[in-house]
Amino acid sequence: MNTNHIIASLLMLTAALGLHAGDNISSLGEKGRFVINGNVDPSFGNLFEMAVTGYLDNYSKEIAIDNDGNFQSTIDIEGPLQEAYLYINNDAVSIPLMPDKTVTVNCNNGKLTLSSNDKDFDRDLEFALLCHKNMRKRFLDINVASYYALTDSAKSALVDSINDYINDYNKLIDDFEASSGTLANHNYFVHDAYFGVVGFIAGRPDLLPRITAGQAALKSSEPYKCITGDDMKYPNTRSFAS
């Protein structure tokens, strides 16, 4: 599919949803590049594996690791903001990605550190690791729970777990920023907190109105009804909308 077809498809999506196409939609298809490099221990074998979101799909990337555990690659990125999944220790660590950034991964003896060529972006990477540590298991548990046919009591439990997750994620953002400074991609994390888990119940319209958490951060009493064109830059929001 060429760039014009991709742009047309996403504009049709925004029209169907009643969204307004902002600057982030007009930049669809524009290519930037980021660099990922680092050093890992022998447990990784000879390939560092990751995936990157795109506007319409995700793509995988395998990067050769040399005999000393070093790797490096320059990777295309669509538009102003995407997301990477770093496959580490049998899990996926999610981080925001922007053009012209370098992400350095070091993972030895099970200890993972992330850094970059930008001190403000370093803060985002630090928070991404903190969020992974504190929220990842709960995220996966909600994902699993959402797949099953639910009794009324199970629906209530799922709604409660989603509301608690969103509230705790936003508190994690607030507490981190209070001690470490404002995140460069603050809105990416706010959208991730809400749409990352609400996406699991996108097909359950009876449950969506019962998700009341996240309203203050997203400035709406029903955030899932108020997605704008500018919000489409955020991967989980875009995934929910589609």
Protein backbone atom coordinates (compact mmCIF):
# COMPACT_ATOMS: atom_id res chain seq x y z
CA MET A 1 0.00 0.00 0.00
CA ASN A 2 1.54 3.35 -1.02
CA THR A 3 1.62 6.50 1.09
CA ASN A 4 -1.37 8.13 -0.63
CA HIS A 5 -3.51 5.04 -0.05
CA ILE A 6 -2.46 4.91 3.62
CA ILE A 7 -3.33 8.60 4.10
CA ALA A 8 -6.68 8.12 2.36
CA SER A 9 -7.49 5.09 4.53
CA LEU A 10 -6.76 6.86 7.79
CA LEU A 11 -8.63 10.00 6.72
CA MET A 12 -11.64 7.80 5.95
CA LEU A 13 -11.28 6.30 9.43
CA THR A 14 -11.20 9.73 11.09
CA ALA A 15 -14.25 10.82 9.07
CA ALA A 16 -16.17 7.71 10.08
CA LEU A 17 -15.36 8.37 13.73
CA GLY A 18 -16.25 12.05 13.50
CA LEU A 19 -12.65 13.08 14.14
CA HIS A 20 -10.84 16.15 12.89
CA ALA A 21 -7.68 15.59 10.89
CA GLY A 22 -4.96 17.65 12.56
CA ASP A 23 -1.27 18.07 11.94
CA ASN A 24 -0.57 14.52 13.08
CA ILE A 25 -2.79 13.09 10.36
CA SER A 26 -1.27 15.29 7.67
CA SER A 27 2.18 14.02 8.66
CA LEU A 28 1.09 10.41 8.10
CA GLY A 29 3.61 8.61 5.94
CA GLU A 30 6.44 11.04 6.63
CA LYS A 31 9.55 9.09 7.47
CA GLY A 32 11.99 9.82 10.24
CA ARG A 33 14.70 7.59 11.67
CA PHE A 34 15.90 6.59 15.10
CA VAL A 35 18.94 4.66 16.24
CA ILE A 36 18.91 1.76 18.67
CA ASN A 37 22.11 0.29 20.05
CA GLY A 38 23.44 -1.35 23.16
CA ASN A 39 25.07 -4.30 24.80
CA VAL A 40 23.42 -7.49 26.06
CA ASP A 41 24.57 -10.73 27.66
CA PRO A 42 24.87 -14.11 25.90
CA SER A 43 21.32 -15.15 26.84
CA PHE A 44 20.07 -13.04 23.90
CA GLY A 45 21.87 -15.22 21.39
CA ASN A 46 22.85 -13.53 18.14
CA LEU A 47 19.73 -11.38 17.59
CA PHE A 48 18.13 -8.48 19.45
CA GLU A 49 14.40 -8.58 18.69
CA MET A 50 11.94 -5.72 18.81
CA ALA A 51 8.82 -4.38 17.10
CA VAL A 52 7.75 -0.87 16.12
CA THR A 53 4.21 0.45 15.71
CA GLY A 54 3.10 2.09 12.49
CA TYR A 55 -0.02 3.97 11.51
CA LEU A 56 -1.80 0.87 10.27
CA ASP A 57 0.26 -2.07 11.49
CA ASN A 58 3.34 -3.07 13.48
CA TYR A 59 6.55 -4.48 12.08
CA SER A 60 9.26 -6.63 13.62
CA LYS A 61 12.98 -5.96 13.54
CA GLU A 62 15.85 -8.34 14.26
CA ILE A 63 19.28 -6.79 14.87
CA ALA A 64 22.49 -8.79 14.76
CA ILE A 65 24.45 -9.02 18.01
CA ASP A 66 28.22 -9.36 17.66
CA ASN A 67 30.49 -11.63 19.69
CA ASP A 68 30.92 -8.95 22.36
CA GLY A 69 27.17 -8.49 22.84
CA ASN A 70 26.99 -5.19 20.95
CA PHE A 71 24.30 -4.26 18.43
CA GLN A 72 23.21 -1.18 16.48
CA SER A 73 20.65 -0.33 13.83
CA THR A 74 19.02 2.71 12.27
CA ILE A 75 15.28 2.20 11.84
CA ASP A 76 12.60 4.14 9.96
CA ILE A 77 9.72 5.62 11.93
CA GLU A 78 6.42 6.96 10.59
CA GLY A 79 5.31 10.39 11.72
CA PRO A 80 6.16 12.25 14.94
CA LEU A 81 5.62 9.51 17.54
CA GLN A 82 5.44 5.74 17.59
CA GLU A 83 6.10 2.98 20.10
CA ALA A 84 8.68 0.22 20.35
CA TYR A 85 8.38 -3.15 22.06
CA LEU A 86 11.75 -4.40 23.25
CA TYR A 87 11.70 -8.17 23.73
CA ILE A 88 13.66 -8.71 26.92
CA ASN A 89 13.51 -11.48 29.53
CA ASN A 90 10.53 -13.15 27.82
CA ASP A 91 8.50 -9.95 27.96
CA ALA A 92 7.90 -6.78 25.94
CA VAL A 93 9.06 -3.45 27.35
CA SER A 94 7.13 -0.58 25.71
CA ILE A 95 8.83 2.76 25.09
CA PRO A 96 7.88 5.85 23.06
CA LEU A 97 9.87 6.55 19.91
CA MET A 98 10.54 9.82 18.10
CA PRO A 99 12.64 10.65 15.05
CA ASP A 100 16.28 11.61 15.56
CA LYS A 101 16.55 9.94 18.96
CA THR A 102 19.04 7.27 19.99
CA VAL A 103 17.94 4.57 22.40
CA THR A 104 20.73 2.67 24.15
CA VAL A 105 19.82 -0.67 25.69
CA ASN A 106 22.01 -2.43 28.22
CA CYS A 107 20.86 -5.74 29.66
CA ASN A 108 23.33 -7.90 31.53
CA ASN A 109 22.62 -10.44 34.26
CA GLY A 110 18.92 -9.64 33.97
CA LYS A 111 19.35 -5.92 34.76
CA LEU A 112 17.94 -3.60 32.11
CA THR A 113 18.86 0.08 31.68
CA LEU A 114 17.77 2.46 28.92
CA SER A 115 19.34 5.78 27.98
CA SER A 116 19.40 8.18 25.05
CA ASN A 117 21.15 11.14 23.45
CA ASP A 118 18.63 13.54 25.04
CA LYS A 119 18.38 14.12 28.81
CA ASP A 120 14.64 14.90 28.57
CA PHE A 121 14.02 11.70 26.65
CA ASP A 122 16.11 9.85 29.26
CA ARG A 123 13.43 10.79 31.77
CA ASP A 124 10.76 9.20 29.58
CA LEU A 125 12.79 6.01 29.26
CA GLU A 126 13.29 5.88 33.01
CA PHE A 127 9.56 6.24 33.54
CA ALA A 128 8.79 3.60 30.89
CA LEU A 129 10.88 1.12 32.89
CA LEU A 130 9.18 2.16 36.14
CA CYS A 131 5.78 1.74 34.52
CA HIS A 132 6.74 -1.68 33.19
CA LYS A 133 7.82 -2.77 36.65
CA ASN A 134 4.70 -1.48 38.40
CA MET A 135 1.92 -1.90 35.83
CA ARG A 136 2.84 -4.61 33.33
CA LYS A 137 1.47 -7.63 35.23
CA ARG A 138 -1.80 -5.86 35.94
CA PHE A 139 -2.05 -4.88 32.26
CA LEU A 140 -1.63 -8.51 31.19
CA ASP A 141 -4.12 -9.73 33.81
CA ILE A 142 -6.75 -7.28 32.50
CA ASN A 143 -6.04 -8.42 28.96
CA VAL A 144 -6.63 -12.07 29.90
CA ALA A 145 -9.76 -11.31 31.93
CA SER A 146 -11.32 -9.37 29.05
CA TYR A 147 -11.25 -12.36 26.69
CA TYR A 148 -13.75 -14.53 28.50
CA ALA A 149 -17.54 -14.52 28.55
CA LEU A 150 -18.28 -12.58 31.71
CA THR A 151 -20.89 -12.97 34.40
CA ASP A 152 -22.25 -9.78 35.94
CA SER A 153 -19.89 -10.14 38.90
CA ALA A 154 -16.93 -10.77 36.58
CA LYS A 155 -17.86 -7.66 34.55
CA SER A 156 -17.91 -5.60 37.73
CA ALA A 157 -14.53 -7.00 38.77
CA LEU A 158 -13.07 -6.22 35.34
CA VAL A 159 -14.42 -2.66 35.41
CA ASP A 160 -12.99 -2.16 38.91
CA SER A 161 -9.59 -3.49 37.85
CA ILE A 162 -9.51 -1.18 34.81
CA ASN A 163 -10.51 1.88 36.83
CA ASP A 164 -7.92 1.05 39.50
CA TYR A 165 -5.24 0.49 36.85
CA ILE A 166 -5.91 3.85 35.15
CA ASN A 167 -5.96 5.72 38.46
CA ASP A 168 -2.75 4.08 39.67
CA TYR A 169 -0.97 4.65 36.34
CA ASN A 170 -1.86 8.36 36.44
CA LYS A 171 -0.73 8.57 40.07
CA LEU A 172 2.55 6.99 39.00
CA ILE A 173 2.91 9.73 36.38
CA ASP A 174 2.12 12.48 38.90
CA ASP A 175 4.47 11.12 41.55
CA PHE A 176 7.31 10.64 39.08
CA GLU A 177 6.94 14.15 37.64
CA ALA A 178 6.79 15.64 41.13
CA SER A 179 10.20 14.18 41.93
CA SER A 180 11.92 14.04 38.54
CA GLY A 181 10.35 16.72 36.32
CA THR A 182 7.82 16.77 33.51
CA LEU A 183 7.94 13.93 31.03
CA ALA A 184 8.81 14.98 27.49
CA ASN A 185 5.99 12.73 26.24
CA HIS A 186 3.57 13.35 29.10
CA ASN A 187 0.48 12.94 26.91
CA TYR A 188 1.78 9.69 25.44
CA PHE A 189 1.78 8.16 28.92
CA VAL A 190 -1.60 9.67 29.85
CA HIS A 191 -3.16 8.19 26.71
CA ASP A 192 -1.37 4.90 27.34
CA ALA A 193 -2.79 4.75 30.86
CA TYR A 194 -6.36 4.97 29.57
CA PHE A 195 -6.53 3.58 26.05
CA GLY A 196 -4.00 0.82 26.71
CA VAL A 197 -6.54 -1.05 28.85
CA VAL A 198 -9.82 0.40 27.57
CA GLY A 199 -8.87 -1.06 24.21
CA PHE A 200 -9.43 -4.52 25.69
CA ILE A 201 -13.16 -3.77 26.12
CA ALA A 202 -13.67 -1.78 22.91
CA GLY A 203 -16.13 -4.45 21.81
CA ARG A 204 -18.11 -4.25 25.06
CA PRO A 205 -20.12 -1.00 24.80
CA ASP A 206 -22.00 -1.90 27.98
CA LEU A 207 -18.76 -1.63 29.95
CA LEU A 208 -17.16 1.46 28.41
CA PRO A 209 -19.39 4.02 30.19
CA ARG A 210 -18.46 2.40 33.50
CA ILE A 211 -14.79 3.34 33.06
CA THR A 212 -14.73 6.63 34.95
CA ALA A 213 -11.00 6.81 35.72
CA GLY A 214 -8.71 9.05 33.70
CA GLN A 215 -11.28 11.77 33.15
CA ALA A 216 -9.22 14.54 34.73
CA ALA A 217 -6.03 13.63 32.88
CA LEU A 218 -7.81 13.39 29.50
CA LYS A 219 -10.14 16.33 30.19
CA SER A 220 -13.32 14.45 29.36
CA SER A 221 -15.99 12.50 31.22
CA GLU A 222 -16.09 10.01 28.33
CA PRO A 223 -12.62 10.03 26.77
CA TYR A 224 -13.42 7.12 24.44
CA LYS A 225 -16.02 9.35 22.71
CA CYS A 226 -13.79 12.41 22.43
CA ILE A 227 -10.81 11.31 20.33
CA THR A 228 -9.54 14.10 18.08
CA GLY A 229 -7.26 14.01 15.06
CA ASP A 230 -4.36 15.17 17.19
CA ASP A 231 -4.90 12.21 19.53
CA MET A 232 -4.22 9.84 16.65
CA LYS A 233 -0.48 10.33 17.14
CA TYR A 234 -0.68 8.13 20.26
CA PRO A 235 -0.39 4.43 19.37
CA ASN A 236 -2.91 2.97 21.84
CA THR A 237 -5.44 5.72 21.13
CA ARG A 238 -5.13 5.10 17.41
CA SER A 239 -5.50 1.36 17.96
CA PHE A 240 -8.65 1.90 20.05
CA ALA A 241 -10.17 4.23 17.44
CA SER A 242 -9.60 1.77 14.64
